[in-house]
Amino acid sequence: MATQVTLKAEHRRGRGKGVARKLRARGRLPAVVYGAGGDPVSIALDTHDAIHLFRSISVENTIINLEIAGQDASVPTLVREIQTHPARPEVLHVDFLRIRSGVTVELEIPLHLEGTPAGVRAGGILEYSMHQIPVRCLPKDIPETLRLDVSELEMGGAVRIGDLVLPEGVEVMLDSERMLCTILAPAVSAADEEAEDADADEEMEVDTEAGSGGETTG
C-alpha cells in the first residue's frame, strides 16, 4: 500500500530566476505542480518543512498530498524532480506530478536484498546492477519497496528481473532477463600476484640448486 504524507503549500506569483531568489531568501522554496490533464500551478513551500520531509521519506514512491492555501481539497502528487545547486547543498526547485485515483503512474521503487548470499559466505562479492526498479501501477498499489531473498545465491549465480515476486497490480518496465545482482569470485590483487610470482621464483631457485649440488664421478 502506498505511503502518504502531507505538505503545506501556497500559490506564488511571478516567474524567473529573480523571483525564485527572492522566495528562497525568505525561506520559501519554489515548486510547480503539473500533469493529470490540468494546467501547471506555481506554488511555494516552506523550505525547512520541505527538506525535512524529503529526508524522512522515500521520495521516489511516496504520495505527497499538497495542502495548497485557499483550496478545499489536497492535491495528491509524486515528486518528479528536486533541483539542487551545482556547487552548494541547496535545493532550488521541486517538480510535482499530479496523480489521480484509477490512473496508472510510472515511478521507481527501491530494491532491498535480504539475507547474506551463500556465495558471499564462501568469499564471493555481491555486485548490484540496479538499486531502483522502474514500475507501472495504480497509485493505491505503489509498494514501499521490492524485497528479494538472496540468501541461497551461490558463487557465480545471478538474480534477474523475472525472479522478482511482485505485489499484485505492479508491473516492472524492464525485460525479464535484465540482471539485478550477481555473486562474483574474489579478484586476485596485484600485490597477491606479485607475492605468488616471488614464491614461484624462490621455489625454482631452490630446485635448481638442489639439482646442481651433487658430485660427478667418473
Protein backbone atom coordinates (compact mmCIF):
# COMPACT_ATOMS: atom_id res chain seq x y z
CA MET A 1 0.00 0.00 0.00
CA ALA A 2 1.27 3.44 -0.91
CA THR A 3 2.84 5.61 1.78
CA GLN A 4 1.19 9.02 2.03
CA VAL A 5 2.29 12.24 3.71
CA THR A 6 1.08 15.85 3.78
CA LEU A 7 2.92 19.07 2.89
CA LYS A 8 1.57 22.60 3.09
CA ALA A 9 1.99 24.98 0.15
CA GLU A 10 0.72 28.29 -1.19
CA HIS A 11 0.21 29.79 -4.62
CA ARG A 12 3.02 32.02 -5.88
CA ARG A 13 3.07 34.77 -8.45
CA GLY A 14 5.76 35.63 -10.92
CA ARG A 15 8.39 33.52 -12.59
CA GLY A 16 12.06 33.73 -13.37
CA LYS A 17 15.33 33.47 -11.51
CA GLY A 18 14.93 36.81 -9.77
CA VAL A 19 11.56 35.91 -8.28
CA ALA A 20 12.89 32.49 -7.23
CA ARG A 21 15.92 34.05 -5.50
CA LYS A 22 13.69 36.39 -3.52
CA LEU A 23 11.49 33.48 -2.46
CA ARG A 24 14.44 31.43 -1.27
CA ALA A 25 15.82 34.42 0.61
CA ARG A 26 12.54 34.47 2.57
CA GLY A 27 12.78 30.77 3.40
CA ARG A 28 10.36 29.70 0.68
CA LEU A 29 11.06 27.00 -1.90
CA PRO A 30 9.62 27.49 -5.41
CA ALA A 31 7.85 24.49 -6.93
CA VAL A 32 5.40 23.56 -9.67
CA VAL A 33 2.56 21.04 -9.91
CA TYR A 34 1.65 19.63 -13.33
CA GLY A 35 0.08 16.65 -15.06
CA ALA A 36 -3.23 14.74 -14.90
CA GLY A 37 -4.69 16.94 -17.62
CA GLY A 38 -4.52 20.13 -15.59
CA ASP A 39 -2.60 23.36 -16.10
CA PRO A 40 0.74 23.79 -14.32
CA VAL A 41 0.39 25.60 -11.00
CA SER A 42 3.25 27.53 -9.45
CA ILE A 43 3.49 27.09 -5.68
CA ALA A 44 5.87 27.84 -2.81
CA LEU A 45 6.80 25.60 0.10
CA ASP A 46 8.34 26.26 3.48
CA THR A 47 11.97 25.34 2.76
CA HIS A 48 12.68 23.88 6.19
CA ASP A 49 9.49 21.78 6.23
CA ALA A 50 10.00 20.51 2.68
CA ILE A 51 13.64 19.47 3.12
CA HIS A 52 12.89 17.85 6.47
CA LEU A 53 10.10 15.84 4.84
CA PHE A 54 12.19 14.80 1.83
CA ARG A 55 14.92 13.49 4.15
CA SER A 56 12.43 11.40 6.13
CA ILE A 57 10.67 9.59 3.27
CA SER A 58 11.43 7.56 0.18
CA VAL A 59 10.95 10.48 -2.21
CA GLU A 60 10.60 8.36 -5.36
CA ASN A 61 7.47 6.46 -4.31
CA THR A 62 5.73 8.40 -1.52
CA ILE A 63 2.46 10.15 -2.32
CA ILE A 64 2.68 13.75 -1.12
CA ASN A 65 -0.69 15.38 -0.58
CA LEU A 66 -0.18 19.10 -1.13
CA GLU A 67 -2.43 21.26 1.03
CA ILE A 68 -2.42 24.46 -1.02
CA ALA A 69 -3.73 27.50 0.85
CA GLY A 70 -7.14 28.56 -0.44
CA GLN A 71 -8.04 25.14 -1.88
CA ASP A 72 -10.60 22.91 -0.20
CA ALA A 73 -9.05 19.60 -1.24
CA SER A 74 -5.43 18.50 -1.09
CA VAL A 75 -3.63 17.55 -4.31
CA PRO A 76 -2.08 14.06 -4.40
CA THR A 77 1.31 14.16 -6.11
CA LEU A 78 4.59 12.38 -6.66
CA VAL A 79 7.94 14.17 -6.69
CA ARG A 80 9.31 14.13 -10.21
CA GLU A 81 12.46 16.22 -9.72
CA ILE A 82 14.32 18.00 -6.94
CA GLN A 83 16.71 20.52 -8.46
CA THR A 84 19.79 21.32 -6.37
CA HIS A 85 22.57 23.88 -6.64
CA PRO A 86 25.59 22.54 -8.59
CA ALA A 87 28.11 23.77 -6.00
CA ARG A 88 26.20 24.09 -2.71
CA PRO A 89 23.95 21.73 -0.71
CA GLU A 90 20.89 23.85 -1.53
CA VAL A 91 17.53 22.81 -3.00
CA LEU A 92 16.44 25.24 -5.72
CA HIS A 93 13.14 23.94 -7.09
CA VAL A 94 10.78 20.96 -6.90
CA ASP A 95 8.57 19.46 -9.62
CA PHE A 96 5.42 17.60 -8.50
CA LEU A 97 3.32 15.33 -10.73
CA ARG A 98 -0.42 15.23 -10.04
CA ILE A 99 -1.85 11.74 -9.77
CA ARG A 100 -5.43 10.52 -10.00
CA SER A 101 -7.14 7.53 -8.46
CA GLY A 102 -7.60 4.77 -11.01
CA VAL A 103 -4.94 6.13 -13.39
CA THR A 104 -1.60 4.28 -13.56
CA VAL A 105 1.66 6.04 -12.79
CA GLU A 106 5.26 5.21 -13.64
CA LEU A 107 7.86 5.50 -10.91
CA GLU A 108 10.92 3.85 -9.38
CA ILE A 109 10.79 1.57 -6.34
CA PRO A 110 13.84 0.81 -4.14
CA LEU A 111 15.14 -2.78 -4.33
CA HIS A 112 16.01 -4.33 -0.96
CA LEU A 113 18.03 -7.56 -0.91
CA GLU A 114 17.52 -9.71 2.18
CA GLY A 115 19.90 -12.27 3.64
CA THR A 116 23.61 -12.98 3.18
CA PRO A 117 24.17 -14.92 -0.08
CA ALA A 118 25.82 -18.35 0.18
CA GLY A 119 28.37 -17.15 -2.38
CA VAL A 120 29.35 -14.23 -0.15
CA ARG A 121 29.73 -16.54 2.83
CA ALA A 122 32.11 -18.55 0.64
CA GLY A 123 34.22 -15.46 -0.09
CA GLY A 124 32.46 -14.02 -3.13
CA ILE A 125 31.41 -10.42 -3.74
CA LEU A 126 27.80 -9.27 -4.19
CA GLU A 127 27.53 -6.86 -7.12
CA TYR A 128 24.38 -4.79 -7.62
CA SER A 129 23.31 -3.87 -11.14
CA MET A 130 20.25 -1.89 -10.03
CA HIS A 131 19.11 -0.22 -6.82
CA GLN A 132 15.83 1.21 -8.17
CA ILE A 133 13.25 -0.70 -10.22
CA PRO A 134 11.00 1.21 -12.67
CA VAL A 135 7.39 0.03 -12.36
CA ARG A 136 3.89 0.89 -13.52
CA CYS A 137 0.87 0.64 -11.21
CA LEU A 138 -2.15 2.41 -9.78
CA PRO A 139 -1.46 4.94 -7.00
CA LYS A 140 -3.14 2.69 -4.42
CA ASP A 141 -0.79 -0.17 -5.34
CA ILE A 142 2.51 1.71 -5.06
CA PRO A 143 4.81 -0.53 -2.97
CA GLU A 144 7.15 0.93 -0.37
CA THR A 145 9.96 -1.35 -1.54
CA LEU A 146 10.60 -4.51 -3.55
CA ARG A 147 12.22 -7.23 -1.43
CA LEU A 148 14.22 -10.21 -2.64
CA ASP A 149 15.75 -13.01 -0.55
CA VAL A 150 19.24 -13.76 -1.91
CA SER A 151 20.49 -15.98 0.93
CA GLU A 152 20.64 -19.06 -1.36
CA LEU A 153 22.52 -17.30 -4.18
CA GLU A 154 25.72 -19.23 -4.93
CA MET A 155 29.08 -18.12 -6.35
CA GLY A 156 28.57 -17.11 -9.97
CA GLY A 157 24.80 -17.06 -9.54
CA ALA A 158 22.62 -14.17 -10.65
CA VAL A 159 19.16 -12.75 -9.99
CA ARG A 160 17.14 -11.30 -12.87
CA ILE A 161 14.01 -9.16 -13.14
CA GLY A 162 11.94 -12.28 -13.82
CA ASP A 163 12.92 -13.66 -10.40
CA LEU A 164 11.14 -10.86 -8.55
CA VAL A 165 7.86 -11.69 -6.82
CA LEU A 166 5.80 -8.57 -7.49
CA PRO A 167 2.87 -7.26 -5.46
CA GLU A 168 -0.49 -7.56 -7.19
CA GLY A 169 -1.09 -4.79 -9.71
CA VAL A 170 2.60 -3.88 -10.10
CA GLU A 171 4.32 -4.27 -13.48
CA VAL A 172 8.07 -3.93 -13.97
CA MET A 173 9.03 -1.85 -17.02
CA LEU A 174 12.15 -3.87 -17.89
CA ASP A 175 12.93 -7.08 -19.74
CA SER A 176 12.60 -10.15 -17.53
CA GLU A 177 16.20 -11.19 -18.36
CA ARG A 178 17.70 -7.92 -17.09
CA MET A 179 20.21 -8.74 -14.34
CA LEU A 180 19.70 -7.31 -10.84
CA CYS A 181 22.69 -8.72 -8.98
CA THR A 182 25.31 -11.45 -9.12
CA ILE A 183 27.97 -13.07 -6.94
CA LEU A 184 31.49 -12.57 -8.27
CA ALA A 185 34.53 -14.63 -7.35
CA PRO A 186 37.04 -12.56 -5.34
CA ALA A 187 39.58 -10.89 -7.61
CA VAL A 188 43.30 -11.55 -7.02
CA SER A 189 45.03 -8.25 -6.23
CA ALA A 190 48.22 -7.14 -7.95
CA ALA A 191 50.11 -7.49 -4.64
CA ASP A 192 48.90 -11.09 -4.28
CA GLU A 193 50.00 -11.86 -7.85
CA GLU A 194 53.48 -10.40 -7.18
CA ALA A 195 53.78 -12.46 -3.98
CA GLU A 196 52.78 -15.62 -5.86
CA ASP A 197 55.34 -14.86 -8.60
CA ALA A 198 58.06 -14.29 -5.97
CA ASP A 199 57.22 -17.60 -4.25
CA ALA A 200 57.37 -19.40 -7.60
CA ASP A 201 60.77 -17.84 -8.42
CA GLU A 202 62.10 -18.82 -4.99
CA GLU A 203 60.93 -22.40 -5.42
CA MET A 204 62.59 -22.55 -8.86
CA GLU A 205 65.92 -21.32 -7.42
CA VAL A 206 65.80 -23.94 -4.67
CA ASP A 207 65.06 -26.69 -7.19
CA THR A 208 67.97 -25.55 -9.41
CA GLU A 209 70.40 -25.51 -6.52
CA ALA A 210 69.29 -28.94 -5.41
CA GLY A 211 69.74 -30.33 -8.91
CA SER A 212 73.31 -28.97 -9.35
CA GLY A 213 74.70 -29.67 -5.88
CA GLY A 214 75.76 -33.34 -6.34
CA GLU A 215 79.31 -34.62 -7.21
CA THR A 216 80.12 -36.29 -10.51
CA THR A 217 82.26 -39.43 -10.52
CA GLY A 218 83.98 -40.93 -13.48
